Amino acid sequence: MAFRKRREALRSILAGSTCIRPGSVYDAISIRVAEDLGFEVGMFGGSVASLAVLGDPDIALITLTELAEQMRRMSRAAALPVMVDADHGYGNALNVRRTVQELETAGAAGLTIEDTLLPQAFGQAKTQLISLEEGVGKMKAALDGRGDPSLVIMARTGAASVSGFEDAIGRARAYEAAGVDALFFTGMKTHAELEAIGAATTLPIVLGGFPEEMIDLDYLASQRVRIALQGHAPIAAATLAVYETLKALRDGQSPKNLKGLASSDLTGRVTRDADMKVRAAEFLGLKR
């Protein structure tokens, strides 16, 4: 299959003995930059998907169709393996099954399904979780929806910061028993918690939303953490760059005096201009 090599690369990372940091990607240009810089894997977060596609905050407004289409654009642009934050799977367990099918077709190397209750319930300001039984059903449905066995299915839980650490362990064990390929945790605050999770489970661990003092890749690797997220700074940087550039122009600055613009060389690299010229010469008879 066209995307199997990417999925096998992600599986190799999860089966390895080191911990890596993924590059946050959200469109065709960002994934090419991440690939060119040597990132082993990209992370397409739900929050950046909402920002890039809708310009909205991360409150579960983006649809599966919009998410999958953005992933499809990135898959065309670069061969970097990408993990997709598929949120709650856009509905119940049957919706989860379809979510997996759509993201697999779009070229995702792996995806996460979480046990957060989404969208936010009426009158509830705090994060809520679905029941353990429903969570297990979603994980089983995700596995059933997978056509390519190399696609990585990760169970994500934020129970540690919602319902308590013991519940996080119980959910992790149940999702592992359901047959997922990896466990994704948010809300871990201490080394002791991470070590307890490692002792209670056997699958590779993906870690998000953890304190800065825990960022020791050798230590994380020793606790079976294979991927440790590092936020989504690229889209924040891009937003500021657009704002400052447009503000400078609005304030009357000449375009030729603007600072911080991509050089023609960088633009050519990320647009794969040299490859396009080769194709134009071969297929359109144009001189190189």
Protein backbone atom coordinates (compact mmCIF):
# COMPACT_ATOMS: atom_id res chain seq x y z
CA MET A 1 0.00 0.00 0.00
CA ALA A 2 1.08 3.56 -0.72
CA PHE A 3 1.27 4.63 2.91
CA ARG A 4 2.53 1.42 4.50
CA LYS A 5 6.16 2.55 4.59
CA ARG A 6 5.18 5.59 6.66
CA ARG A 7 3.22 3.44 9.09
CA GLU A 8 6.02 0.95 9.42
CA ALA A 9 8.39 3.84 10.20
CA LEU A 10 6.10 4.93 13.05
CA ARG A 11 5.88 1.37 14.30
CA SER A 12 9.66 1.15 14.26
CA ILE A 13 9.84 4.24 16.49
CA LEU A 14 7.34 2.75 18.92
CA ALA A 15 9.23 -0.56 18.97
CA GLY A 16 12.60 1.15 19.49
CA SER A 17 14.49 2.06 22.64
CA THR A 18 14.71 5.85 22.34
CA CYS A 19 12.31 8.75 22.86
CA ILE A 20 11.83 11.29 20.07
CA ARG A 21 10.10 14.68 19.80
CA PRO A 22 7.67 15.05 16.87
CA GLY A 23 7.31 18.12 14.70
CA SER A 24 3.93 19.86 14.90
CA VAL A 25 2.47 20.02 11.37
CA TYR A 26 -0.79 21.39 10.03
CA ASP A 27 -0.53 21.99 6.27
CA ALA A 28 1.48 21.16 3.16
CA ILE A 29 4.25 23.68 3.86
CA SER A 30 4.73 22.82 7.54
CA ILE A 31 4.99 19.09 6.85
CA ARG A 32 7.58 19.68 4.14
CA VAL A 33 9.62 21.89 6.45
CA ALA A 34 9.47 19.24 9.20
CA GLU A 35 10.51 16.54 6.75
CA ASP A 36 13.39 18.63 5.37
CA LEU A 37 14.66 19.34 8.90
CA GLY A 38 14.85 15.64 9.68
CA PHE A 39 11.93 15.10 12.05
CA GLU A 40 11.14 11.41 12.27
CA VAL A 41 7.41 11.93 12.70
CA GLY A 42 4.84 14.71 12.56
CA MET A 43 2.00 15.41 14.96
CA PHE A 44 -1.24 16.84 13.56
CA GLY A 45 -3.03 18.07 16.67
CA GLY A 46 -6.72 18.76 16.95
CA SER A 47 -6.07 22.29 18.17
CA VAL A 48 -3.89 23.19 15.19
CA ALA A 49 -6.33 21.52 12.81
CA SER A 50 -9.08 23.76 14.16
CA LEU A 51 -6.86 26.83 13.84
CA ALA A 52 -5.59 26.01 10.35
CA VAL A 53 -8.92 24.97 8.86
CA LEU A 54 -11.48 27.05 10.76
CA GLY A 55 -9.59 29.72 12.69
CA ASP A 56 -11.48 28.50 15.75
CA PRO A 57 -10.34 27.39 19.22
CA ASP A 58 -10.03 23.73 20.15
CA ILE A 59 -13.65 23.06 21.14
CA ALA A 60 -14.53 20.18 18.78
CA LEU A 61 -16.04 22.28 15.99
CA ILE A 62 -13.97 20.77 13.18
CA THR A 63 -15.56 17.84 11.35
CA LEU A 64 -14.09 14.50 10.36
CA THR A 65 -14.33 15.46 6.70
CA GLU A 66 -12.34 18.65 7.26
CA LEU A 67 -9.70 16.86 9.34
CA ALA A 68 -9.28 14.04 6.83
CA GLU A 69 -9.03 16.43 3.90
CA GLN A 70 -6.28 18.41 5.60
CA MET A 71 -4.44 15.17 6.33
CA ARG A 72 -4.86 14.17 2.69
CA ARG A 73 -3.22 17.42 1.56
CA MET A 74 -0.26 16.78 3.84
CA SER A 75 0.08 13.17 2.69
CA ARG A 76 0.36 14.37 -0.89
CA ALA A 77 2.94 17.01 0.02
CA ALA A 78 5.42 14.86 1.96
CA ALA A 79 6.23 11.31 3.01
CA LEU A 80 6.75 12.16 6.70
CA PRO A 81 4.79 9.77 8.95
CA VAL A 82 2.06 11.70 10.75
CA MET A 83 0.14 10.92 13.92
CA VAL A 84 -3.34 12.45 13.88
CA ASP A 85 -5.23 13.62 16.92
CA ALA A 86 -8.66 12.19 16.06
CA ASP A 87 -10.20 13.55 19.26
CA HIS A 88 -13.15 11.42 20.38
CA GLY A 89 -13.61 9.85 16.94
CA TYR A 90 -16.40 12.31 16.07
CA GLY A 91 -19.21 10.47 17.77
CA ASN A 92 -19.91 7.03 19.19
CA ALA A 93 -18.03 3.80 18.53
CA LEU A 94 -19.52 3.45 15.03
CA ASN A 95 -18.36 6.99 14.21
CA VAL A 96 -14.92 6.03 15.52
CA ARG A 97 -14.82 3.14 13.09
CA ARG A 98 -15.52 5.47 10.17
CA THR A 99 -13.00 8.00 11.48
CA VAL A 100 -10.29 5.35 11.29
CA GLN A 101 -11.31 4.42 7.74
CA GLU A 102 -11.22 8.02 6.56
CA LEU A 103 -7.88 8.88 8.17
CA GLU A 104 -6.33 5.65 6.92
CA THR A 105 -7.39 6.52 3.38
CA ALA A 106 -6.03 10.06 3.89
CA GLY A 107 -2.56 8.68 4.65
CA ALA A 108 -2.23 8.94 8.42
CA ALA A 109 0.52 6.77 9.88
CA GLY A 110 -1.26 6.59 13.21
CA LEU A 111 -4.09 8.19 15.13
CA THR A 112 -5.31 8.70 18.67
CA ILE A 113 -8.79 8.10 19.99
CA GLU A 114 -9.47 9.66 23.37
CA ASP A 115 -11.98 9.02 26.13
CA THR A 116 -12.90 12.67 26.69
CA LEU A 117 -16.59 13.51 26.46
CA LEU A 118 -16.84 15.74 23.39
CA PRO A 119 -18.30 18.11 22.46
CA GLN A 120 -18.64 19.84 25.80
CA ALA A 121 -21.89 18.97 27.59
CA PHE A 122 -24.48 21.62 28.38
CA GLY A 123 -23.86 23.29 31.73
CA GLN A 124 -20.52 21.55 32.30
CA ALA A 125 -17.46 23.79 32.45
CA LYS A 126 -15.04 21.04 33.47
CA THR A 127 -13.62 18.27 31.30
CA GLN A 128 -15.59 15.04 31.52
CA LEU A 129 -14.80 11.50 30.48
CA ILE A 130 -16.95 8.84 28.88
CA SER A 131 -17.39 5.60 30.81
CA LEU A 132 -14.70 2.97 30.76
CA GLU A 133 -17.07 0.62 28.94
CA GLU A 134 -17.75 3.14 26.20
CA GLY A 135 -14.05 3.87 25.93
CA VAL A 136 -13.23 0.20 25.44
CA GLY A 137 -15.98 -0.02 22.82
CA LYS A 138 -14.43 2.88 20.93
CA MET A 139 -10.99 1.27 20.94
CA LYS A 140 -12.40 -2.02 19.66
CA ALA A 141 -14.31 -0.19 16.95
CA ALA A 142 -11.15 1.69 15.93
CA LEU A 143 -9.28 -1.59 15.53
CA ASP A 144 -12.17 -3.09 13.58
CA GLY A 145 -12.22 -0.11 11.21
CA ARG A 146 -8.55 -0.52 10.33
CA GLY A 147 -7.99 -1.94 6.85
CA ASP A 148 -4.20 -1.72 6.85
CA PRO A 149 -2.83 -3.62 9.86
CA SER A 150 0.23 -1.35 9.89
CA LEU A 151 -1.90 1.71 10.78
CA VAL A 152 -1.12 2.58 14.41
CA ILE A 153 -4.10 2.92 16.76
CA MET A 154 -3.33 4.74 20.02
CA ALA A 155 -5.66 4.97 23.00
CA ARG A 156 -5.52 8.39 24.62
CA THR A 157 -6.68 9.26 28.11
CA GLY A 158 -6.50 12.39 30.21
CA ALA A 159 -7.98 10.66 33.25
CA ALA A 160 -4.96 11.51 35.42
CA SER A 161 -6.03 15.15 35.59
CA VAL A 162 -9.79 14.53 35.47
CA SER A 163 -10.89 11.49 37.46
CA GLY A 164 -7.63 10.58 39.17
CA PHE A 165 -4.46 8.63 38.63
CA GLU A 166 -5.91 5.26 39.62
CA ASP A 167 -8.62 5.66 37.00
CA ALA A 168 -5.94 6.47 34.42
CA ILE A 169 -4.20 3.19 35.20
CA GLY A 170 -7.46 1.25 35.03
CA ARG A 171 -8.36 2.77 31.68
CA ALA A 172 -4.88 2.18 30.28
CA ARG A 173 -5.01 -1.48 31.23
CA ALA A 174 -8.44 -1.90 29.70
CA TYR A 175 -7.45 -0.21 26.44
CA GLU A 176 -4.30 -2.30 26.28
CA ALA A 177 -6.41 -5.44 26.73
CA ALA A 178 -8.66 -4.25 23.89
CA GLY A 179 -5.66 -4.53 21.54
CA VAL A 180 -4.47 -1.00 20.78
CA ASP A 181 -0.90 -0.45 19.63
CA ALA A 182 0.18 2.30 22.05
CA LEU A 183 -1.04 4.37 24.99
CA PHE A 184 -1.16 8.16 24.91
CA PHE A 185 -1.30 10.01 28.23
CA THR A 186 -1.93 13.62 29.13
CA GLY A 187 -1.94 15.09 32.62
CA MET A 188 1.10 13.24 33.99
CA LYS A 189 2.74 15.50 36.58
CA THR A 190 5.47 13.49 38.31
CA HIS A 191 8.10 10.86 37.68
CA ALA A 192 6.34 8.61 40.17
CA GLU A 193 3.12 8.70 38.14
CA LEU A 194 4.92 7.91 34.92
CA GLU A 195 6.82 5.05 36.56
CA ALA A 196 3.58 3.63 37.96
CA ILE A 197 1.99 3.75 34.51
CA GLY A 198 5.01 2.00 33.07
CA ALA A 199 4.82 -0.72 35.69
CA ALA A 200 1.09 -1.26 35.14
CA THR A 201 1.21 -1.53 31.34
CA THR A 202 3.39 -3.04 28.62
CA LEU A 203 2.68 -1.00 25.49
CA PRO A 204 4.76 1.88 24.08
CA ILE A 205 3.83 5.23 25.63
CA VAL A 206 3.22 8.59 23.96
CA LEU A 207 3.31 11.54 26.34
CA GLY A 208 1.69 14.95 26.01
CA GLY A 209 1.17 17.86 28.35
CA PHE A 210 3.86 17.11 30.92
CA PRO A 211 5.99 19.43 33.09
CA GLU A 212 9.23 20.85 31.72
CA GLU A 213 11.25 19.20 34.49
CA MET A 214 10.29 15.80 33.09
CA ILE A 215 11.93 16.53 29.73
CA ASP A 216 14.89 14.17 29.89
CA LEU A 217 14.73 11.98 26.82
CA ASP A 218 16.96 9.27 28.28
CA TYR A 219 14.79 9.04 31.37
CA LEU A 220 11.58 9.06 29.33
CA ALA A 221 12.98 6.32 27.11
CA SER A 222 13.76 4.22 30.18
CA GLN A 223 10.06 4.46 31.09
CA ARG A 224 8.97 3.17 27.67
CA VAL A 225 8.02 6.63 26.40
CA ARG A 226 8.77 6.56 22.68
CA ILE A 227 7.26 9.89 21.62
CA ALA A 228 7.07 13.02 23.78
CA LEU A 229 5.10 15.91 22.34
CA GLN A 230 6.47 19.44 22.49
CA GLY A 231 3.40 21.57 21.87
CA HIS A 232 2.41 23.36 18.70
CA ALA A 233 4.78 26.31 18.50
CA PRO A 234 5.03 26.41 14.66
CA ILE A 235 1.45 27.56 14.08
CA ALA A 236 1.82 30.11 16.89
CA ALA A 237 4.99 31.43 15.26
CA ALA A 238 3.29 31.54 11.87
CA THR A 239 0.34 33.45 13.30
CA LEU A 240 2.63 36.06 14.80
CA ALA A 241 4.61 36.36 11.56
CA VAL A 242 1.45 36.98 9.54
CA TYR A 243 0.20 39.51 12.09
CA GLU A 244 3.47 41.46 12.21
CA THR A 245 3.87 41.46 8.43
CA LEU A 246 0.34 42.66 7.76
CA LYS A 247 0.60 45.25 10.52
CA ALA A 248 3.82 46.61 9.06
CA LEU A 249 2.21 46.88 5.63
CA ARG A 250 -0.89 48.49 7.09
CA ASP A 251 1.33 51.00 8.90
CA GLY A 252 2.86 51.99 5.58
CA GLN A 253 6.09 50.02 5.45
CA SER A 254 7.31 49.16 1.98
CA PRO A 255 7.22 45.43 1.11
CA LYS A 256 10.90 45.57 0.13
CA ASN A 257 11.81 46.67 3.68
CA LEU A 258 9.98 43.87 5.48
CA LYS A 259 12.03 41.61 7.72
CA GLY A 260 11.76 37.89 8.38
CA LEU A 261 10.44 36.81 4.98
CA ALA A 262 11.24 33.43 3.47
CA SER A 263 14.07 33.63 0.96
CA SER A 264 13.50 32.56 -2.63
CA ASP A 265 15.74 29.57 -1.91
CA LEU A 266 13.62 28.43 1.04
CA THR A 267 10.41 29.03 -0.89
CA GLY A 268 11.79 26.99 -3.77
CA ARG A 269 12.70 24.13 -1.46
CA VAL A 270 9.36 23.89 0.32
CA THR A 271 7.43 24.16 -2.95
CA ARG A 272 9.67 21.49 -4.52
CA ASP A 273 10.30 23.88 -7.39
CA ALA A 274 13.24 21.92 -8.82
CA ASP A 275 11.13 18.76 -9.08
CA MET A 276 8.34 20.69 -10.77
CA LYS A 277 10.75 22.11 -13.35
CA VAL A 278 11.98 18.61 -14.16
CA ARG A 279 8.40 17.45 -14.72
CA ALA A 280 7.59 20.53 -16.80
CA ALA A 281 10.57 19.79 -19.03
CA GLU A 282 9.65 16.12 -19.39
CA PHE A 283 5.89 16.42 -19.80
CA LEU A 284 5.38 19.91 -21.26
CA GLY A 285 8.51 20.20 -23.36
CA LEU A 286 9.68 23.27 -21.45
CA LYS A 287 13.36 24.14 -21.23
CA ARG A 288 14.95 23.75 -17.79
